[in-house]
Amino acid sequence: MGKRYLRSIVSDLQTLTASADVTPIDLPVNPLSFLVLTINAEVNGAQEVQDDAVPIVNHLGMITDLSIRHRGENILQGSGADLAMLSYLLTGVPPWGREWSYGDNTFTSRSFILPLTRRPYDPEEAFPATTRGQLRFHMTAGAALGVYDNFQWALEAVELVEAAPKRYLKATTLTRALAATGRQRIPLPLGNQLAGLLLFDPTDENDATETYAFGKVKLLKDNVEQYYAESNWESLAADMALRVQNLMGAFGHTHVQAAADTGVGGAGHRTADMPPIQYGYMDFDPLKDGSYLLDTAGASDVELDLNSDVSTGTVRVIPVELVELKG
């Protein structure tokens, strides 16, 4: 008998209440490869001539914090937008959905993967079997958006029934509020191998000058430069295209128009505050086969060194760790 997977609805469609926590959900007990989170939104007013309801970022923006916790410890944690961006880079699967009409009172639907592996369905990389109640899903909704009346959410899981995984993926968010320009360091977690770092820069790219919180970055292990002796933010952001195709189109686009009711102009990408804009990725697994992973075991410290062009804003860093399972 070949390998089997089991896909099930963990939590069926229900109301997502703005600015509130959902009741934590117990997750399945077999080895878990990934979850699929679906967000539905009911359009408020016809949006065909607007771009307010078009981008996927509005659905993702309703999730201000999401976590998968094992015995209270965060295994996967971040905002909806951050985790969707990370998932796309790791798995190559972008957020997607159905119901693209934008008439009044129509529902739009978007889904994205919450991975516990770099490769969905990989029997060697998944969260191991647990007992009921040890692995739980938590989520916090943000403030309601003006272009929608109602939100819903649903969660599905993919279990690998016979799998005996050797490792699983762990990714949680680090934050740093900037207080000055110039060089500063962010300590990274120790003990596991690192597959990459997702970086969020709070600086809007629509400025007259090229200034970013991650102006230049380098990586230090025991105070010695590793992998990235130094790199500019612009090239780090561009490097994401090495991992995935259709980088700028995966999160939606808009069409340039002369006016709201004039269908002229050409297609254009959205800018400013939506994925993949404001993100960069430091890749320690460029071949996606584990041959370049950064081993932090035994190190005194591993640090991200950034040379900031700005003195305000909060940067986010999500280290992608691979946790080896004993035995």
Protein backbone atom coordinates (compact mmCIF):
# COMPACT_ATOMS: atom_id res chain seq x y z
CA MET A 1 0.00 0.00 0.00
CA GLY A 2 1.35 3.40 -0.96
CA LYS A 3 1.60 6.48 1.20
CA ARG A 4 -1.64 8.17 2.17
CA TYR A 5 -2.59 11.68 3.10
CA LEU A 6 -5.81 12.80 4.74
CA ARG A 7 -7.35 16.19 4.04
CA SER A 8 -10.07 17.36 6.40
CA ILE A 9 -12.01 20.45 7.46
CA VAL A 10 -10.75 21.45 10.89
CA SER A 11 -13.06 24.44 11.23
CA ASP A 12 -15.83 25.07 8.69
CA LEU A 13 -16.89 28.50 7.41
CA GLN A 14 -17.88 30.78 10.26
CA THR A 15 -18.00 34.49 11.00
CA LEU A 16 -14.69 36.27 11.51
CA THR A 17 -15.37 39.01 14.06
CA ALA A 18 -13.30 42.15 13.60
CA SER A 19 -10.80 43.07 16.34
CA ALA A 20 -11.28 39.80 18.21
CA ASP A 21 -9.58 36.47 18.88
CA VAL A 22 -11.09 33.29 17.48
CA THR A 23 -11.61 30.40 19.86
CA PRO A 24 -8.44 28.26 19.71
CA ILE A 25 -8.86 25.11 17.59
CA ASP A 26 -7.36 21.67 18.29
CA LEU A 27 -5.44 20.42 15.25
CA PRO A 28 -5.26 16.81 13.99
CA VAL A 29 -2.95 14.32 15.69
CA ASN A 30 -1.27 12.64 12.68
CA PRO A 31 1.92 14.12 11.18
CA LEU A 32 0.84 17.49 9.80
CA SER A 33 2.18 18.82 6.49
CA PHE A 34 0.24 22.08 6.18
CA LEU A 35 -2.97 23.94 6.87
CA VAL A 36 -5.08 25.88 4.39
CA LEU A 37 -6.68 29.09 5.68
CA THR A 38 -9.57 30.58 3.71
CA ILE A 39 -10.84 34.14 4.20
CA ASN A 40 -14.15 35.21 2.62
CA ALA A 41 -15.19 38.85 2.40
CA GLU A 42 -18.54 40.38 1.38
CA VAL A 43 -18.10 43.44 -0.84
CA ASN A 44 -19.71 46.64 0.40
CA GLY A 45 -20.79 48.67 -2.63
CA ALA A 46 -19.90 48.03 -6.27
CA GLN A 47 -16.12 47.98 -6.65
CA GLU A 48 -15.70 47.29 -10.37
CA VAL A 49 -14.31 50.79 -10.99
CA GLN A 50 -12.24 50.87 -7.81
CA ASP A 51 -9.12 49.01 -6.83
CA ASP A 52 -9.93 48.93 -3.10
CA ALA A 53 -11.35 45.41 -3.14
CA VAL A 54 -9.06 43.92 -5.76
CA PRO A 55 -5.84 42.99 -3.96
CA ILE A 56 -5.53 39.85 -1.89
CA VAL A 57 -3.81 41.98 0.75
CA ASN A 58 -7.19 43.13 2.07
CA HIS A 59 -8.10 39.56 2.99
CA LEU A 60 -4.67 38.96 4.49
CA GLY A 61 -4.82 42.26 6.34
CA MET A 62 -7.76 41.04 8.40
CA ILE A 63 -5.37 38.64 10.18
CA THR A 64 -3.13 40.61 12.51
CA ASP A 65 -1.69 37.58 14.27
CA LEU A 66 -1.87 33.85 13.64
CA SER A 67 -0.06 31.01 15.36
CA ILE A 68 0.21 27.24 15.51
CA ARG A 69 1.28 26.33 19.04
CA HIS A 70 2.55 23.05 20.46
CA ARG A 71 2.09 22.89 24.22
CA GLY A 72 2.01 26.69 24.19
CA GLU A 73 5.20 27.13 22.13
CA ASN A 74 4.87 28.96 18.82
CA ILE A 75 5.76 26.77 15.85
CA LEU A 76 4.42 29.09 13.14
CA GLN A 77 3.54 32.68 14.03
CA GLY A 78 3.04 35.99 12.23
CA SER A 79 0.55 38.27 10.53
CA GLY A 80 -1.59 37.01 7.67
CA ALA A 81 0.40 38.98 5.09
CA ASP A 82 3.80 37.89 6.46
CA LEU A 83 2.88 34.21 6.56
CA ALA A 84 1.31 34.28 3.09
CA MET A 85 4.48 35.88 1.71
CA LEU A 86 6.68 33.35 3.52
CA SER A 87 4.53 30.44 2.36
CA TYR A 88 4.75 31.59 -1.26
CA LEU A 89 8.54 31.83 -1.13
CA LEU A 90 8.99 28.44 0.57
CA THR A 91 6.39 26.33 -1.24
CA GLY A 92 5.99 28.22 -4.51
CA VAL A 93 2.21 28.26 -3.99
CA PRO A 94 0.72 31.80 -4.02
CA PRO A 95 -2.48 32.85 -2.26
CA TRP A 96 -5.42 32.16 -4.51
CA GLY A 97 -9.19 31.99 -4.48
CA ARG A 98 -12.54 32.14 -6.19
CA GLU A 99 -15.37 34.64 -6.69
CA TRP A 100 -13.60 37.57 -8.31
CA SER A 101 -16.75 39.60 -8.92
CA TYR A 102 -16.86 42.96 -7.14
CA GLY A 103 -20.56 43.74 -7.26
CA ASP A 104 -22.30 44.86 -4.08
CA ASN A 105 -23.01 42.03 -1.59
CA THR A 106 -20.92 39.46 -3.48
CA PHE A 107 -18.41 37.33 -1.58
CA THR A 108 -14.76 37.11 -2.55
CA SER A 109 -12.67 34.18 -1.34
CA ARG A 110 -8.90 33.79 -0.88
CA SER A 111 -6.94 30.83 0.52
CA PHE A 112 -3.30 30.32 1.41
CA ILE A 113 -1.07 27.59 2.81
CA LEU A 114 0.31 27.63 6.35
CA PRO A 115 3.33 25.33 5.91
CA LEU A 116 5.11 23.12 8.42
CA THR A 117 7.38 21.97 5.60
CA ARG A 118 9.26 23.45 2.66
CA ARG A 119 7.56 20.97 0.32
CA PRO A 120 3.89 20.12 0.81
CA TYR A 121 3.21 16.38 1.21
CA ASP A 122 6.88 15.57 1.93
CA PRO A 123 6.76 12.57 4.33
CA GLU A 124 10.20 13.37 5.72
CA GLU A 125 9.37 16.96 6.68
CA ALA A 126 6.20 17.56 8.68
CA PHE A 127 5.15 18.24 12.24
CA PRO A 128 5.22 14.90 14.09
CA ALA A 129 2.25 13.04 15.50
CA THR A 130 0.80 14.50 18.69
CA THR A 131 -2.00 13.78 21.12
CA ARG A 132 -5.29 15.64 21.04
CA GLY A 133 -5.11 19.13 22.51
CA GLN A 134 -1.32 19.55 22.29
CA LEU A 135 -1.25 21.27 18.88
CA ARG A 136 -3.61 24.24 18.57
CA PHE A 137 -4.48 27.00 16.12
CA HIS A 138 -4.83 30.62 17.31
CA MET A 139 -5.85 33.69 15.31
CA THR A 140 -6.60 37.37 15.92
CA ALA A 141 -8.65 39.48 13.50
CA GLY A 142 -7.92 43.13 12.79
CA ALA A 143 -10.27 46.07 12.40
CA ALA A 144 -13.00 45.78 9.74
CA LEU A 145 -12.14 47.25 6.35
CA GLY A 146 -14.47 49.82 4.83
CA VAL A 147 -14.93 48.10 1.48
CA TYR A 148 -16.40 44.97 3.10
CA ASP A 149 -19.47 44.23 5.23
CA ASN A 150 -18.69 40.77 6.58
CA PHE A 151 -15.85 38.30 6.84
CA GLN A 152 -15.76 34.51 7.21
CA TRP A 153 -12.96 32.03 7.77
CA ALA A 154 -12.34 28.30 7.45
CA LEU A 155 -9.41 26.00 8.12
CA GLU A 156 -8.40 22.68 6.54
CA ALA A 157 -5.51 20.34 7.35
CA VAL A 158 -3.41 17.84 5.40
CA GLU A 159 -2.15 14.94 7.52
CA LEU A 160 0.40 12.38 6.33
CA VAL A 161 -1.01 9.20 7.83
CA GLU A 162 1.95 6.78 7.67
CA ALA A 163 4.76 9.37 7.67
CA ALA A 164 7.62 9.32 10.15
CA PRO A 165 9.05 12.81 9.60
CA LYS A 166 12.68 13.59 10.34
CA ARG A 167 12.21 17.33 10.75
CA TYR A 168 9.67 20.14 10.65
CA LEU A 169 9.63 23.81 9.77
CA LYS A 170 9.45 26.46 12.48
CA ALA A 171 8.96 30.17 11.72
CA THR A 172 8.14 32.87 14.28
CA THR A 173 8.36 36.66 14.12
CA LEU A 174 11.09 38.84 15.60
CA THR A 175 10.54 42.62 15.78
CA ARG A 176 12.87 45.57 16.28
CA ALA A 177 11.70 49.18 16.75
CA LEU A 178 14.32 51.46 15.22
CA ALA A 179 15.56 54.37 17.30
CA ALA A 180 18.45 55.56 15.16
CA THR A 181 20.03 55.23 11.74
CA GLY A 182 23.20 53.24 11.16
CA ARG A 183 24.40 49.77 12.11
CA GLN A 184 22.45 47.62 14.55
CA ARG A 185 22.10 43.90 15.14
CA ILE A 186 19.19 41.53 15.64
CA PRO A 187 20.01 38.22 17.41
CA LEU A 188 18.70 35.13 15.62
CA PRO A 189 17.61 31.85 17.24
CA LEU A 190 20.27 29.22 17.92
CA GLY A 191 20.33 25.45 17.86
CA ASN A 192 18.67 24.61 14.53
CA GLN A 193 19.52 24.93 10.87
CA LEU A 194 18.26 28.06 9.15
CA ALA A 195 16.76 27.88 5.66
CA GLY A 196 16.24 31.63 5.29
CA LEU A 197 15.12 34.93 6.76
CA LEU A 198 12.01 36.80 5.62
CA LEU A 199 12.48 40.54 6.14
CA PHE A 200 9.73 43.17 6.30
CA ASP A 201 10.76 46.80 5.82
CA PRO A 202 8.27 49.39 7.14
CA THR A 203 9.58 52.04 4.76
CA ASP A 204 7.29 52.84 1.83
CA GLU A 205 9.11 52.59 -1.50
CA ASN A 206 7.17 55.53 -2.98
CA ASP A 207 9.64 58.14 -1.73
CA ALA A 208 11.79 60.73 -3.42
CA THR A 209 14.95 59.12 -2.03
CA GLU A 210 16.10 55.51 -1.79
CA THR A 211 16.01 55.09 1.99
CA TYR A 212 15.12 51.85 3.77
CA ALA A 213 15.22 50.40 7.25
CA PHE A 214 17.20 47.48 5.79
CA GLY A 215 19.49 49.79 3.84
CA LYS A 216 22.31 47.25 3.80
CA VAL A 217 22.41 43.89 5.56
CA LYS A 218 24.98 41.29 6.48
CA LEU A 219 24.95 38.05 8.45
CA LEU A 220 27.36 37.28 11.29
CA LYS A 221 28.02 33.95 12.99
CA ASP A 222 30.27 34.29 16.05
CA ASN A 223 31.09 37.77 14.73
CA VAL A 224 32.34 36.44 11.38
CA GLU A 225 30.56 37.29 8.12
CA GLN A 226 28.66 34.31 6.66
CA TYR A 227 26.72 33.93 3.39
CA TYR A 228 25.96 37.66 3.12
CA ALA A 229 29.11 39.75 3.59
CA GLU A 230 26.87 42.70 2.68
CA SER A 231 23.92 43.25 0.40
CA ASN A 232 21.69 46.17 -0.56
CA TRP A 233 17.98 46.02 0.26
CA GLU A 234 16.99 46.52 -3.38
CA SER A 235 18.87 43.40 -4.50
CA LEU A 236 17.59 41.31 -1.58
CA ALA A 237 14.05 42.18 -2.58
CA ALA A 238 14.82 41.34 -6.20
CA ASP A 239 16.31 37.97 -5.15
CA MET A 240 12.84 36.74 -4.23
CA ALA A 241 12.24 36.28 -7.96
CA LEU A 242 14.92 33.56 -7.91
CA ARG A 243 12.64 31.41 -5.74
CA VAL A 244 9.22 31.95 -7.32
CA GLN A 245 7.69 32.91 -10.63
CA ASN A 246 5.17 35.72 -11.17
CA LEU A 247 6.41 37.45 -8.03
CA MET A 248 4.65 40.77 -8.70
CA GLY A 249 1.44 39.22 -10.01
CA ALA A 250 0.79 36.65 -7.30
CA PHE A 251 -0.91 39.05 -4.89
CA GLY A 252 -3.12 40.83 -7.43
CA HIS A 253 -2.68 43.79 -9.72
CA THR A 254 -4.56 46.84 -10.91
CA HIS A 255 -5.13 48.52 -14.27
CA VAL A 256 -4.14 52.11 -14.76
CA GLN A 257 -7.14 54.26 -15.73
CA ALA A 258 -7.59 57.90 -16.61
CA ALA A 259 -10.65 58.09 -14.36
CA ALA A 260 -12.94 55.76 -12.43
CA ASP A 261 -15.35 55.40 -15.36
CA THR A 262 -12.82 55.51 -18.19
CA GLY A 263 -11.38 52.17 -19.22
CA VAL A 264 -8.14 53.40 -20.76
CA GLY A 265 -4.52 52.94 -19.85
CA GLY A 266 -2.35 49.88 -19.42
CA ALA A 267 -1.87 47.16 -16.89
CA GLY A 268 0.29 48.03 -13.93
CA HIS A 269 1.48 46.48 -10.70
CA ARG A 270 0.30 47.78 -7.37
CA THR A 271 2.80 49.63 -5.25
CA ALA A 272 3.35 50.64 -1.63
CA ASP A 273 2.01 48.65 1.29
CA MET A 274 1.15 45.19 -0.01
CA PRO A 275 3.09 41.98 -0.66
CA PRO A 276 5.55 41.46 -2.23
CA ILE A 277 6.49 45.13 -1.84
CA GLN A 278 8.35 45.84 1.44
CA TYR A 279 9.68 42.27 1.69
CA GLY A 280 13.11 40.77 1.12
CA TYR A 281 14.53 37.28 1.62
CA MET A 282 17.94 36.03 2.72
CA ASP A 283 18.14 32.55 1.25
CA PHE A 284 20.22 29.77 2.85
CA ASP A 285 18.53 27.07 0.76
CA PRO A 286 18.76 28.37 -2.82
CA LEU A 287 18.78 24.90 -4.40
CA LYS A 288 15.86 23.82 -2.19
CA ASP A 289 17.70 20.61 -1.29
CA GLY A 290 19.25 21.54 2.07
CA SER A 291 22.83 21.70 0.75
CA TYR A 292 23.43 25.31 1.86
CA LEU A 293 21.56 25.40 5.18
CA LEU A 294 23.06 27.62 7.89
CA ASP A 295 23.84 25.49 10.96
CA THR A 296 23.56 27.46 14.21
CA ALA A 297 24.25 24.54 16.58
CA GLY A 298 27.20 25.30 18.84
CA ALA A 299 27.42 28.96 17.85
CA SER A 300 27.69 31.62 20.54
CA ASP A 301 25.56 33.98 18.47
CA VAL A 302 24.14 34.43 14.99
CA GLU A 303 23.07 37.98 14.18
CA LEU A 304 21.47 39.94 11.37
CA ASP A 305 23.41 43.19 10.99
CA LEU A 306 21.48 45.99 9.32
CA ASN A 307 22.64 49.46 8.34
CA SER A 308 19.45 51.51 8.47
CA ASP A 309 18.84 54.62 6.40
CA VAL A 310 15.94 55.64 8.66
CA SER A 311 15.51 56.17 12.40
CA THR A 312 11.87 55.18 12.91
CA GLY A 313 9.62 52.24 12.18
CA THR A 314 9.51 48.60 13.25
CA VAL A 315 11.19 45.92 11.17
CA ARG A 316 10.10 42.28 11.23
CA VAL A 317 12.31 39.24 10.74
CA ILE A 318 10.99 35.69 10.41
CA PRO A 319 13.75 33.07 10.66
CA VAL A 320 12.90 29.80 8.91
CA GLU A 321 14.25 27.03 11.18
CA LEU A 322 14.40 23.32 10.47
CA VAL A 323 13.94 21.39 13.69
CA GLU A 324 15.45 17.87 13.59
CA LEU A 325 13.44 15.16 15.32
CA LYS A 326 15.36 12.78 17.54
CA GLY A 327 15.06 9.08 16.84
